[in-house]
Amino acid sequence: MADERSTYLRQCLDRLRAGDESARQELLAGACARLAELTRTMLKDYRRLKRWEQTDDVLQNALVRLHRSLQDVTPPSLRDFYRLAALQVRRELIDLARHYFGPQGRGRRHQTNAAEGDSRLTPRPAYEQPGAAEEPATLAAWGEFHRQADALPEEEREVFDLVWYQGLPHTEAADLLGVSARTVKRRWQAACLRLHEALGGELPGP
């Protein structure tokens, strides 16, 4: 459960601040399950991306980012740790989309033969620049989704990070932020509305 995970991570942070370096690895392990779940959700429709990157590889890259950040700074609170974790996984997914589906990305140059998967044939991939309509709508939507989430006003972004990226219930997010559940609900709704408008109503599916 989210509250049990938060309690555990808070204890790890307390130990890390007290000088227990083993708590650093436990923080990463404690964050791993939620990051894995979130990454798989976001990549489930990235069919072309999965040719080169498996979900676990993306997760590992995000955790490496988080590990590097934790080497440079010890979050003073669980609130700060959650903010840092959400930032690293968001950056990893934005970079992946840019790397593989940017103007010179491998994903944009790769076109799979329609016979792929038929063991009786020996299909060869054609390397062509596909038209804009061939790019998966879900991939484009996710990339823009993360960029717009990063651009939310600070209070809305923090609530969105806790609820969407970290999976916390509104009541726990409220306790963590020191505000009422009503305030969290209002900021969450404002963030969702802002994202809906920024993306023209094209929010990626769960």
N, C-alpha and C. Protein backbone atom coordinates (compact mmCIF):
# COMPACT_ATOMS: atom_id res chain seq x y z
N MET A 1 0.84 -1.19 0.00
CA MET A 1 0.00 0.00 0.00
C MET A 1 0.88 1.25 0.00
N ALA A 2 0.31 2.34 -0.51
CA ALA A 2 1.08 3.57 -0.66
C ALA A 2 1.56 4.10 0.68
N ASP A 3 0.69 4.05 1.73
CA ASP A 3 1.09 4.60 3.01
C ASP A 3 2.20 3.78 3.66
N GLU A 4 2.18 2.44 3.44
CA GLU A 4 3.24 1.59 3.97
C GLU A 4 4.56 1.88 3.26
N ARG A 5 4.49 2.08 1.95
CA ARG A 5 5.70 2.41 1.20
C ARG A 5 6.26 3.75 1.66
N SER A 6 5.38 4.72 1.88
CA SER A 6 5.84 6.04 2.33
C SER A 6 6.50 5.96 3.70
N THR A 7 5.92 5.16 4.59
CA THR A 7 6.50 5.00 5.92
C THR A 7 7.90 4.40 5.83
N TYR A 8 8.03 3.38 4.98
CA TYR A 8 9.33 2.73 4.80
C TYR A 8 10.37 3.69 4.22
N LEU A 9 9.97 4.42 3.18
CA LEU A 9 10.89 5.36 2.56
C LEU A 9 11.29 6.48 3.53
N ARG A 10 10.36 6.91 4.36
CA ARG A 10 10.67 7.95 5.34
C ARG A 10 11.71 7.44 6.34
N GLN A 11 11.57 6.19 6.75
CA GLN A 11 12.55 5.59 7.66
C GLN A 11 13.93 5.50 7.00
N CYS A 12 13.94 5.15 5.71
CA CYS A 12 15.22 5.09 4.98
C CYS A 12 15.88 6.47 4.92
N LEU A 13 15.09 7.49 4.68
CA LEU A 13 15.62 8.85 4.64
C LEU A 13 16.19 9.25 6.00
N ASP A 14 15.50 8.89 7.06
CA ASP A 14 15.99 9.21 8.41
C ASP A 14 17.34 8.53 8.65
N ARG A 15 17.47 7.29 8.22
CA ARG A 15 18.73 6.56 8.39
C ARG A 15 19.84 7.17 7.54
N LEU A 16 19.49 7.58 6.32
CA LEU A 16 20.49 8.17 5.44
C LEU A 16 21.01 9.48 6.03
N ARG A 17 20.10 10.29 6.54
CA ARG A 17 20.53 11.56 7.15
C ARG A 17 21.38 11.34 8.40
N ALA A 18 21.18 10.15 9.04
CA ALA A 18 21.96 9.82 10.23
C ALA A 18 23.32 9.21 9.87
N GLY A 19 23.58 9.06 8.57
CA GLY A 19 24.88 8.57 8.14
C GLY A 19 24.91 7.13 7.69
N ASP A 20 23.76 6.45 7.64
CA ASP A 20 23.71 5.05 7.20
C ASP A 20 23.64 5.01 5.67
N GLU A 21 24.79 4.75 5.03
CA GLU A 21 24.85 4.77 3.57
C GLU A 21 24.07 3.62 2.93
N SER A 22 23.84 2.54 3.66
CA SER A 22 23.07 1.42 3.10
C SER A 22 21.63 1.83 2.81
N ALA A 23 21.18 2.87 3.48
CA ALA A 23 19.81 3.33 3.28
C ALA A 23 19.63 3.93 1.90
N ARG A 24 20.71 4.36 1.26
CA ARG A 24 20.63 4.94 -0.07
C ARG A 24 20.13 3.89 -1.07
N GLN A 25 20.70 2.69 -0.99
CA GLN A 25 20.27 1.60 -1.87
C GLN A 25 18.85 1.16 -1.55
N GLU A 26 18.48 1.20 -0.29
CA GLU A 26 17.12 0.81 0.10
C GLU A 26 16.10 1.82 -0.42
N LEU A 27 16.49 3.08 -0.47
CA LEU A 27 15.60 4.09 -1.05
C LEU A 27 15.33 3.78 -2.52
N LEU A 28 16.38 3.42 -3.24
CA LEU A 28 16.21 3.07 -4.65
C LEU A 28 15.34 1.84 -4.80
N ALA A 29 15.58 0.83 -3.98
CA ALA A 29 14.78 -0.39 -4.05
C ALA A 29 13.32 -0.10 -3.68
N GLY A 30 13.13 0.77 -2.71
CA GLY A 30 11.77 1.10 -2.30
C GLY A 30 11.00 1.86 -3.36
N ALA A 31 11.71 2.64 -4.17
CA ALA A 31 11.07 3.40 -5.24
C ALA A 31 10.86 2.55 -6.48
N CYS A 32 11.56 1.42 -6.56
CA CYS A 32 11.61 0.64 -7.80
C CYS A 32 10.25 0.10 -8.22
N ALA A 33 9.47 -0.42 -7.27
CA ALA A 33 8.20 -1.05 -7.63
C ALA A 33 7.25 -0.06 -8.30
N ARG A 34 7.12 1.12 -7.74
CA ARG A 34 6.21 2.12 -8.33
C ARG A 34 6.73 2.60 -9.68
N LEU A 35 8.03 2.80 -9.79
CA LEU A 35 8.59 3.23 -11.06
C LEU A 35 8.39 2.17 -12.14
N ALA A 36 8.52 0.89 -11.77
CA ALA A 36 8.32 -0.20 -12.73
C ALA A 36 6.89 -0.21 -13.22
N GLU A 37 5.95 -0.08 -12.30
CA GLU A 37 4.52 -0.08 -12.67
C GLU A 37 4.20 1.08 -13.59
N LEU A 38 4.73 2.25 -13.26
CA LEU A 38 4.45 3.45 -14.05
C LEU A 38 5.09 3.36 -15.43
N THR A 39 6.32 2.87 -15.48
CA THR A 39 7.02 2.77 -16.76
C THR A 39 6.32 1.80 -17.69
N ARG A 40 5.87 0.66 -17.17
CA ARG A 40 5.16 -0.31 -18.00
C ARG A 40 3.85 0.27 -18.53
N THR A 41 3.17 1.04 -17.71
CA THR A 41 1.94 1.68 -18.15
C THR A 41 2.20 2.62 -19.31
N MET A 42 3.26 3.41 -19.19
CA MET A 42 3.54 4.41 -20.21
C MET A 42 4.10 3.80 -21.49
N LEU A 43 4.76 2.65 -21.39
CA LEU A 43 5.39 2.07 -22.57
C LEU A 43 4.56 0.98 -23.22
N LYS A 44 3.40 0.67 -22.69
CA LYS A 44 2.66 -0.48 -23.22
C LYS A 44 2.27 -0.31 -24.68
N ASP A 45 2.12 0.91 -25.15
CA ASP A 45 1.75 1.14 -26.55
C ASP A 45 2.94 1.59 -27.40
N TYR A 46 4.15 1.59 -26.83
CA TYR A 46 5.33 2.01 -27.59
C TYR A 46 5.88 0.80 -28.36
N ARG A 47 5.12 0.31 -29.31
CA ARG A 47 5.50 -0.93 -29.98
C ARG A 47 6.82 -0.81 -30.72
N ARG A 48 7.05 0.30 -31.40
CA ARG A 48 8.30 0.45 -32.13
C ARG A 48 9.46 0.70 -31.18
N LEU A 49 9.21 1.44 -30.13
CA LEU A 49 10.27 1.72 -29.16
C LEU A 49 10.76 0.44 -28.52
N LYS A 50 9.88 -0.54 -28.31
CA LYS A 50 10.26 -1.78 -27.65
C LYS A 50 11.22 -2.62 -28.48
N ARG A 51 11.41 -2.27 -29.75
CA ARG A 51 12.42 -2.98 -30.52
C ARG A 51 13.80 -2.79 -29.92
N TRP A 52 14.04 -1.62 -29.29
CA TRP A 52 15.37 -1.30 -28.80
C TRP A 52 15.42 -1.16 -27.29
N GLU A 53 14.31 -0.83 -26.67
CA GLU A 53 14.32 -0.60 -25.24
C GLU A 53 13.24 -1.44 -24.57
N GLN A 54 13.60 -2.29 -23.64
CA GLN A 54 12.64 -3.02 -22.85
C GLN A 54 12.28 -2.18 -21.62
N THR A 55 11.11 -2.47 -21.06
CA THR A 55 10.65 -1.71 -19.91
C THR A 55 11.68 -1.70 -18.79
N ASP A 56 12.28 -2.85 -18.51
CA ASP A 56 13.25 -2.92 -17.42
C ASP A 56 14.48 -2.06 -17.71
N ASP A 57 14.83 -1.92 -19.00
CA ASP A 57 15.97 -1.06 -19.35
C ASP A 57 15.65 0.39 -19.05
N VAL A 58 14.43 0.81 -19.40
CA VAL A 58 14.01 2.18 -19.13
C VAL A 58 13.99 2.43 -17.62
N LEU A 59 13.46 1.46 -16.88
CA LEU A 59 13.42 1.57 -15.43
C LEU A 59 14.83 1.70 -14.86
N GLN A 60 15.75 0.88 -15.36
CA GLN A 60 17.12 0.93 -14.88
C GLN A 60 17.75 2.29 -15.12
N ASN A 61 17.50 2.85 -16.31
CA ASN A 61 18.05 4.17 -16.62
C ASN A 61 17.50 5.23 -15.68
N ALA A 62 16.20 5.14 -15.38
CA ALA A 62 15.60 6.10 -14.47
C ALA A 62 16.20 5.96 -13.07
N LEU A 63 16.43 4.72 -12.64
CA LEU A 63 17.02 4.50 -11.32
C LEU A 63 18.46 4.98 -11.27
N VAL A 64 19.19 4.83 -12.38
CA VAL A 64 20.56 5.35 -12.43
C VAL A 64 20.54 6.86 -12.26
N ARG A 65 19.60 7.51 -12.94
CA ARG A 65 19.46 8.96 -12.77
C ARG A 65 19.20 9.32 -11.31
N LEU A 66 18.29 8.57 -10.69
CA LEU A 66 17.93 8.85 -9.31
C LEU A 66 19.13 8.59 -8.38
N HIS A 67 19.85 7.52 -8.65
CA HIS A 67 21.03 7.19 -7.84
C HIS A 67 22.06 8.31 -7.90
N ARG A 68 22.29 8.82 -9.10
CA ARG A 68 23.26 9.91 -9.26
C ARG A 68 22.81 11.15 -8.49
N SER A 69 21.50 11.40 -8.56
CA SER A 69 20.98 12.58 -7.84
C SER A 69 21.14 12.41 -6.34
N LEU A 70 20.90 11.18 -5.85
CA LEU A 70 21.01 10.93 -4.42
C LEU A 70 22.46 10.99 -3.94
N GLN A 71 23.41 10.77 -4.86
CA GLN A 71 24.81 10.92 -4.49
C GLN A 71 25.18 12.39 -4.29
N ASP A 72 24.49 13.24 -5.01
CA ASP A 72 24.78 14.68 -4.94
C ASP A 72 24.03 15.37 -3.83
N VAL A 73 22.86 14.85 -3.48
CA VAL A 73 22.02 15.52 -2.50
C VAL A 73 21.21 14.50 -1.71
N THR A 74 21.04 14.75 -0.43
CA THR A 74 20.16 13.93 0.40
C THR A 74 18.86 14.69 0.61
N PRO A 75 17.76 14.19 0.05
CA PRO A 75 16.48 14.91 0.19
C PRO A 75 16.16 15.13 1.67
N PRO A 76 15.84 16.35 2.05
CA PRO A 76 15.56 16.64 3.46
C PRO A 76 14.25 16.03 3.96
N SER A 77 13.38 15.61 3.04
CA SER A 77 12.10 15.06 3.46
C SER A 77 11.59 14.07 2.41
N LEU A 78 10.58 13.29 2.79
CA LEU A 78 9.98 12.36 1.85
C LEU A 78 9.34 13.12 0.70
N ARG A 79 8.81 14.25 0.99
CA ARG A 79 8.22 15.10 -0.05
C ARG A 79 9.25 15.43 -1.12
N ASP A 80 10.46 15.77 -0.70
CA ASP A 80 11.53 16.10 -1.64
C ASP A 80 12.00 14.87 -2.40
N PHE A 81 12.01 13.72 -1.73
CA PHE A 81 12.42 12.49 -2.41
C PHE A 81 11.43 12.13 -3.52
N TYR A 82 10.15 12.21 -3.22
CA TYR A 82 9.13 11.92 -4.23
C TYR A 82 9.25 12.87 -5.42
N ARG A 83 9.50 14.13 -5.12
CA ARG A 83 9.64 15.12 -6.19
C ARG A 83 10.83 14.76 -7.08
N LEU A 84 11.94 14.36 -6.46
CA LEU A 84 13.14 13.99 -7.20
C LEU A 84 12.90 12.73 -8.05
N ALA A 85 12.23 11.74 -7.47
CA ALA A 85 11.97 10.50 -8.20
C ALA A 85 11.08 10.74 -9.41
N ALA A 86 10.05 11.53 -9.25
CA ALA A 86 9.15 11.82 -10.37
C ALA A 86 9.88 12.57 -11.47
N LEU A 87 10.76 13.49 -11.09
CA LEU A 87 11.51 14.26 -12.07
C LEU A 87 12.41 13.36 -12.91
N GLN A 88 13.07 12.40 -12.28
CA GLN A 88 14.01 11.54 -13.00
C GLN A 88 13.31 10.60 -13.98
N VAL A 89 12.20 10.01 -13.59
CA VAL A 89 11.50 9.11 -14.51
C VAL A 89 10.88 9.90 -15.65
N ARG A 90 10.41 11.11 -15.37
CA ARG A 90 9.84 11.94 -16.43
C ARG A 90 10.92 12.33 -17.44
N ARG A 91 12.10 12.71 -16.94
CA ARG A 91 13.19 13.08 -17.84
C ARG A 91 13.63 11.90 -18.70
N GLU A 92 13.68 10.71 -18.11
CA GLU A 92 14.10 9.53 -18.86
C GLU A 92 13.15 9.24 -20.01
N LEU A 93 11.86 9.33 -19.77
CA LEU A 93 10.88 9.02 -20.82
C LEU A 93 10.85 10.10 -21.89
N ILE A 94 11.03 11.35 -21.51
CA ILE A 94 11.11 12.42 -22.51
C ILE A 94 12.35 12.21 -23.39
N ASP A 95 13.48 11.87 -22.76
CA ASP A 95 14.71 11.66 -23.52
C ASP A 95 14.59 10.47 -24.46
N LEU A 96 13.91 9.41 -24.02
CA LEU A 96 13.73 8.24 -24.88
C LEU A 96 12.92 8.58 -26.12
N ALA A 97 11.83 9.29 -25.91
CA ALA A 97 10.99 9.67 -27.05
C ALA A 97 11.78 10.55 -28.01
N ARG A 98 12.55 11.48 -27.47
CA ARG A 98 13.34 12.37 -28.32
C ARG A 98 14.44 11.60 -29.05
N HIS A 99 15.07 10.66 -28.37
CA HIS A 99 16.17 9.92 -28.95
C HIS A 99 15.72 9.03 -30.11
N TYR A 100 14.60 8.33 -29.91
CA TYR A 100 14.17 7.36 -30.92
C TYR A 100 13.21 7.92 -31.95
N PHE A 101 12.50 9.01 -31.61
CA PHE A 101 11.52 9.52 -32.54
C PHE A 101 11.72 11.00 -32.87
N GLY A 102 12.94 11.49 -32.60
CA GLY A 102 13.29 12.83 -33.04
C GLY A 102 13.59 12.81 -34.54
N PRO A 103 13.96 13.94 -35.12
CA PRO A 103 14.19 14.02 -36.58
C PRO A 103 15.16 12.98 -37.10
N GLN A 104 16.21 12.63 -36.30
CA GLN A 104 17.20 11.67 -36.75
C GLN A 104 17.16 10.37 -35.94
N GLY A 105 16.10 10.17 -35.17
CA GLY A 105 16.01 8.99 -34.33
C GLY A 105 15.82 7.70 -35.12
N ARG A 106 16.27 6.59 -34.51
CA ARG A 106 16.16 5.32 -35.21
C ARG A 106 14.71 4.93 -35.45
N GLY A 107 13.83 5.26 -34.49
CA GLY A 107 12.43 4.89 -34.63
C GLY A 107 11.77 5.54 -35.83
N ARG A 108 12.17 6.78 -36.14
CA ARG A 108 11.56 7.48 -37.27
C ARG A 108 12.09 6.95 -38.60
N ARG A 109 13.29 6.35 -38.61
CA ARG A 109 13.85 5.85 -39.85
C ARG A 109 13.51 4.39 -40.09
N HIS A 110 12.95 3.74 -39.07
CA HIS A 110 12.71 2.31 -39.19
C HIS A 110 11.26 2.02 -39.56
N GLN A 111 11.08 1.24 -40.60
CA GLN A 111 9.74 0.83 -41.01
C GLN A 111 9.74 -0.68 -41.11
N THR A 112 8.86 -1.36 -40.38
CA THR A 112 8.85 -2.80 -40.35
C THR A 112 8.07 -3.37 -41.51
N ASN A 113 8.60 -4.42 -42.11
CA ASN A 113 7.91 -5.12 -43.19
C ASN A 113 6.61 -5.69 -42.66
N ALA A 114 5.56 -5.61 -43.44
CA ALA A 114 4.24 -6.07 -43.00
C ALA A 114 4.23 -7.54 -42.69
N ALA A 115 5.20 -8.30 -43.21
CA ALA A 115 5.21 -9.74 -42.99
C ALA A 115 5.89 -10.12 -41.68
N GLU A 116 6.30 -9.14 -40.89
CA GLU A 116 7.01 -9.44 -39.65
C GLU A 116 6.18 -10.36 -38.77
N GLY A 117 6.83 -11.38 -38.24
CA GLY A 117 6.14 -12.31 -37.38
C GLY A 117 5.77 -13.59 -38.10
N ASP A 118 5.83 -13.62 -39.43
CA ASP A 118 5.53 -14.82 -40.19
C ASP A 118 6.82 -15.61 -40.35
N SER A 119 6.92 -16.77 -39.68
CA SER A 119 8.14 -17.54 -39.69
C SER A 119 8.45 -18.12 -41.05
N ARG A 120 7.50 -18.14 -41.95
CA ARG A 120 7.74 -18.71 -43.28
C ARG A 120 8.45 -17.72 -44.19
N LEU A 121 8.49 -16.48 -43.79
CA LEU A 121 9.09 -15.46 -44.62
C LEU A 121 10.33 -14.90 -43.94
N THR A 122 11.14 -14.20 -44.69
CA THR A 122 12.33 -13.56 -44.13
C THR A 122 12.25 -12.07 -44.41
N PRO A 123 11.41 -11.35 -43.64
CA PRO A 123 11.21 -9.93 -43.91
C PRO A 123 12.46 -9.13 -43.65
N ARG A 124 12.64 -8.08 -44.39
CA ARG A 124 13.75 -7.15 -44.19
C ARG A 124 13.19 -5.77 -43.89
N PRO A 125 13.67 -5.12 -42.82
CA PRO A 125 13.16 -3.79 -42.50
C PRO A 125 13.59 -2.79 -43.56
N ALA A 126 12.68 -1.90 -43.89
CA ALA A 126 12.98 -0.83 -44.84
C ALA A 126 13.31 0.42 -44.06
N TYR A 127 14.41 1.05 -44.37
CA TYR A 127 14.81 2.26 -43.66
C TYR A 127 14.41 3.47 -44.50
N GLU A 128 13.29 4.04 -44.11
CA GLU A 128 12.75 5.18 -44.81
C GLU A 128 12.27 6.19 -43.78
N GLN A 129 12.13 7.40 -44.21
CA GLN A 129 11.59 8.43 -43.34
C GLN A 129 10.07 8.36 -43.43
N PRO A 130 9.38 7.86 -42.39
CA PRO A 130 7.93 7.72 -42.48
C PRO A 130 7.24 9.07 -42.43
N GLY A 131 6.02 9.10 -42.93
CA GLY A 131 5.23 10.31 -42.86
C GLY A 131 4.76 10.54 -41.44
N ALA A 132 4.32 11.76 -41.16
CA ALA A 132 3.90 12.10 -39.80
C ALA A 132 2.78 11.22 -39.33
N ALA A 133 1.91 10.78 -40.25
CA ALA A 133 0.76 9.98 -39.85
C ALA A 133 1.16 8.61 -39.36
N GLU A 134 2.39 8.16 -39.68
CA GLU A 134 2.82 6.83 -39.29
C GLU A 134 3.34 6.79 -37.87
N GLU A 135 3.66 7.91 -37.29
CA GLU A 135 4.15 7.91 -35.92
C GLU A 135 3.01 7.59 -34.97
N PRO A 136 3.22 6.64 -34.02
CA PRO A 136 2.14 6.26 -33.11
C PRO A 136 1.61 7.46 -32.34
N ALA A 137 0.32 7.65 -32.39
CA ALA A 137 -0.28 8.80 -31.70
C ALA A 137 -0.04 8.73 -30.20
N THR A 138 -0.04 7.50 -29.66
CA THR A 138 0.16 7.37 -28.22
C THR A 138 1.55 7.82 -27.81
N LEU A 139 2.55 7.53 -28.62
CA LEU A 139 3.92 7.93 -28.28
C LEU A 139 4.05 9.44 -28.29
N ALA A 140 3.53 10.07 -29.34
CA ALA A 140 3.59 11.52 -29.41
C ALA A 140 2.84 12.15 -28.24
N ALA A 141 1.69 11.57 -27.90
CA ALA A 141 0.90 12.12 -26.79
C ALA A 141 1.62 11.99 -25.46
N TRP A 142 2.28 10.84 -25.24
CA TRP A 142 3.00 10.66 -23.98
C TRP A 142 4.16 11.63 -23.86
N GLY A 143 4.91 11.79 -24.95
CA GLY A 143 6.03 12.72 -24.89
C GLY A 143 5.59 14.12 -24.53
N GLU A 144 4.53 14.58 -25.18
CA GLU A 144 4.02 15.92 -24.89
C GLU A 144 3.39 15.97 -23.50
N PHE A 145 2.77 14.89 -23.09
CA PHE A 145 2.17 14.81 -21.76
C PHE A 145 3.21 15.09 -20.68
N HIS A 146 4.38 14.43 -20.78
CA HIS A 146 5.43 14.63 -19.78
C HIS A 146 5.97 16.04 -19.81
N ARG A 147 6.13 16.60 -21.00
CA ARG A 147 6.64 17.97 -21.10
C ARG A 147 5.66 18.95 -20.49
N GLN A 148 4.37 18.75 -20.74
CA GLN A 148 3.37 19.66 -20.17
C GLN A 148 3.24 19.47 -18.66
N ALA A 149 3.40 18.24 -18.19
CA ALA A 149 3.36 18.00 -16.75
C ALA A 149 4.51 18.72 -16.06
N ASP A 150 5.67 18.72 -16.70
CA ASP A 150 6.83 19.40 -16.14
C ASP A 150 6.64 20.91 -16.12
N ALA A 151 5.78 21.43 -17.00
CA ALA A 151 5.56 22.87 -17.11
C ALA A 151 4.40 23.37 -16.25
N LEU A 152 3.75 22.48 -15.50
CA LEU A 152 2.64 22.91 -14.64
C LEU A 152 3.13 23.89 -13.57
N PRO A 153 2.26 24.79 -13.10
CA PRO A 153 2.64 25.64 -11.97
C PRO A 153 3.08 24.77 -10.80
N GLU A 154 3.99 25.27 -10.00
CA GLU A 154 4.66 24.45 -8.99
C GLU A 154 3.70 23.69 -8.07
N GLU A 155 2.69 24.37 -7.53
CA GLU A 155 1.78 23.70 -6.61
C GLU A 155 1.00 22.60 -7.30
N GLU A 156 0.56 22.85 -8.52
CA GLU A 156 -0.17 21.83 -9.26
C GLU A 156 0.74 20.69 -9.67
N ARG A 157 1.96 21.02 -10.07
CA ARG A 157 2.90 19.98 -10.49
C ARG A 157 3.24 19.05 -9.32
N GLU A 158 3.42 19.62 -8.14
CA GLU A 158 3.77 18.79 -6.99
C GLU A 158 2.65 17.82 -6.65
N VAL A 159 1.42 18.29 -6.67
CA VAL A 159 0.29 17.41 -6.42
C VAL A 159 0.18 16.35 -7.53
N PHE A 160 0.37 16.77 -8.77
CA PHE A 160 0.28 15.84 -9.89
C PHE A 160 1.38 14.78 -9.79
N ASP A 161 2.58 15.18 -9.40
CA ASP A 161 3.67 14.22 -9.23
C ASP A 161 3.34 13.19 -8.16
N LEU A 162 2.80 13.64 -7.05
CA LEU A 162 2.50 12.73 -5.95
C LEU A 162 1.36 11.77 -6.30
N VAL A 163 0.33 12.28 -6.93
CA VAL A 163 -0.84 11.44 -7.23
C VAL A 163 -0.62 10.58 -8.45
N TRP A 164 -0.09 11.19 -9.54
CA TRP A 164 0.03 10.43 -10.79
C TRP A 164 1.33 9.64 -10.87
N TYR A 165 2.46 10.31 -10.62
CA TYR A 165 3.75 9.63 -10.75
C TYR A 165 4.04 8.70 -9.57
N GLN A 166 3.60 9.08 -8.36
CA GLN A 166 3.92 8.27 -7.19
C GLN A 166 2.75 7.41 -6.72
N GLY A 167 1.56 7.65 -7.25
CA GLY A 167 0.42 6.80 -6.92
C GLY A 167 -0.14 6.99 -5.52
N LEU A 168 0.07 8.15 -4.92
CA LEU A 168 -0.44 8.38 -3.57
C LEU A 168 -1.91 8.78 -3.61
N PRO A 169 -2.69 8.32 -2.66
CA PRO A 169 -4.08 8.80 -2.55
C PRO A 169 -4.08 10.27 -2.14
N HIS A 170 -5.18 10.95 -2.41
CA HIS A 170 -5.26 12.38 -2.11
C HIS A 170 -5.02 12.67 -0.63
N THR A 171 -5.52 11.80 0.23
CA THR A 171 -5.38 12.05 1.67
C THR A 171 -3.92 11.98 2.10
N GLU A 172 -3.17 11.03 1.54
CA GLU A 172 -1.75 10.91 1.90
C GLU A 172 -0.95 12.06 1.31
N ALA A 173 -1.28 12.45 0.09
CA ALA A 173 -0.60 13.59 -0.52
C ALA A 173 -0.85 14.85 0.32
N ALA A 174 -2.07 15.00 0.80
CA ALA A 174 -2.40 16.16 1.63
C ALA A 174 -1.59 16.18 2.91
N ASP A 175 -1.46 15.01 3.54
CA ASP A 175 -0.69 14.92 4.78
C ASP A 175 0.78 15.25 4.52
N LEU A 176 1.31 14.77 3.40
CA LEU A 176 2.70 15.00 3.06
C LEU A 176 2.97 16.48 2.80
N LEU A 177 2.00 17.16 2.16
CA LEU A 177 2.16 18.57 1.81
C LEU A 177 1.73 19.52 2.92
N GLY A 178 1.06 18.97 3.92
CA GLY A 178 0.60 19.82 5.02
C GLY A 178 -0.58 20.70 4.64
N VAL A 179 -1.43 20.20 3.74
CA VAL A 179 -2.62 20.94 3.32
C VAL A 179 -3.82 20.01 3.47
N SER A 180 -5.01 20.53 3.21
CA SER A 180 -6.21 19.72 3.33
C SER A 180 -6.40 18.85 2.09
N ALA A 181 -7.16 17.78 2.26
CA ALA A 181 -7.48 16.91 1.12
C ALA A 181 -8.26 17.69 0.07
N ARG A 182 -9.07 18.64 0.51
CA ARG A 182 -9.83 19.48 -0.42
C ARG A 182 -8.88 20.30 -1.31
N THR A 183 -7.80 20.80 -0.69
CA THR A 183 -6.82 21.58 -1.46
C THR A 183 -6.12 20.70 -2.49
N VAL A 184 -5.76 19.48 -2.09
CA VAL A 184 -5.12 18.55 -3.02
C VAL A 184 -6.06 18.24 -4.18
N LYS A 185 -7.33 17.99 -3.86
CA LYS A 185 -8.31 17.69 -4.91
C LYS A 185 -8.44 18.87 -5.88
N ARG A 186 -8.47 20.09 -5.33
CA ARG A 186 -8.60 21.27 -6.18
C ARG A 186 -7.38 21.43 -7.09
N ARG A 187 -6.18 21.25 -6.53
CA ARG A 187 -4.96 21.37 -7.34
C ARG A 187 -4.86 20.26 -8.38
N TRP A 188 -5.28 19.06 -8.00
CA TRP A 188 -5.28 17.93 -8.93
C TRP A 188 -6.21 18.19 -10.12
N GLN A 189 -7.40 18.67 -9.81
CA GLN A 189 -8.35 18.96 -10.87
C GLN A 189 -7.85 20.08 -11.77
N ALA A 190 -7.22 21.10 -11.17
CA ALA A 190 -6.68 22.20 -11.95
C ALA A 190 -5.56 21.71 -12.86
N ALA A 191 -4.71 20.82 -12.35
CA ALA A 191 -3.61 20.28 -13.16
C ALA A 191 -4.15 19.46 -14.32
N CYS A 192 -5.14 18.62 -14.04
CA CYS A 192 -5.73 17.78 -15.09
C CYS A 192 -6.39 18.64 -16.17
N LEU A 193 -7.09 19.68 -15.75
CA LEU A 193 -7.73 20.58 -16.71
C LEU A 193 -6.69 21.31 -17.55
N ARG A 194 -5.62 21.75 -16.92
CA ARG A 194 -4.57 22.46 -17.64
C ARG A 194 -3.91 21.53 -18.68
N LEU A 195 -3.67 20.29 -18.28
CA LEU A 195 -3.08 19.32 -19.21
C LEU A 195 -4.04 19.01 -20.36
N HIS A 196 -5.30 18.87 -20.02
CA HIS A 196 -6.31 18.58 -21.04
C HIS A 196 -6.35 19.68 -22.08
N GLU A 197 -6.30 20.92 -21.62
CA GLU A 197 -6.34 22.06 -22.55
C GLU A 197 -5.04 22.15 -23.35
N ALA A 198 -3.90 21.93 -22.67
CA ALA A 198 -2.61 22.04 -23.35
C ALA A 198 -2.43 20.98 -24.42
N LEU A 199 -3.03 19.82 -24.20
CA LEU A 199 -2.90 18.71 -25.15
C LEU A 199 -4.07 18.60 -26.10
N GLY A 200 -4.94 19.60 -26.09
CA GLY A 200 -6.08 19.59 -27.01
C GLY A 200 -7.04 18.45 -26.75
N GLY A 201 -7.12 18.01 -25.49
CA GLY A 201 -8.03 16.91 -25.14
C GLY A 201 -7.46 15.55 -25.46
N GLU A 202 -6.23 15.48 -25.99
CA GLU A 202 -5.64 14.20 -26.39
C GLU A 202 -4.76 13.66 -25.27
N LEU A 203 -5.36 13.30 -24.15
CA LEU A 203 -4.61 12.72 -23.05
C LEU A 203 -4.33 11.26 -23.34
N PRO A 204 -3.10 10.77 -23.06
CA PRO A 204 -2.80 9.36 -23.31
C PRO A 204 -3.59 8.48 -22.35
N GLY A 205 -3.89 7.27 -22.81
CA GLY A 205 -4.69 6.36 -22.00
C GLY A 205 -3.89 5.76 -20.87
N PRO A 206 -4.57 5.15 -19.88
CA PRO A 206 -3.89 4.55 -18.74
C PRO A 206 -3.15 3.29 -19.13
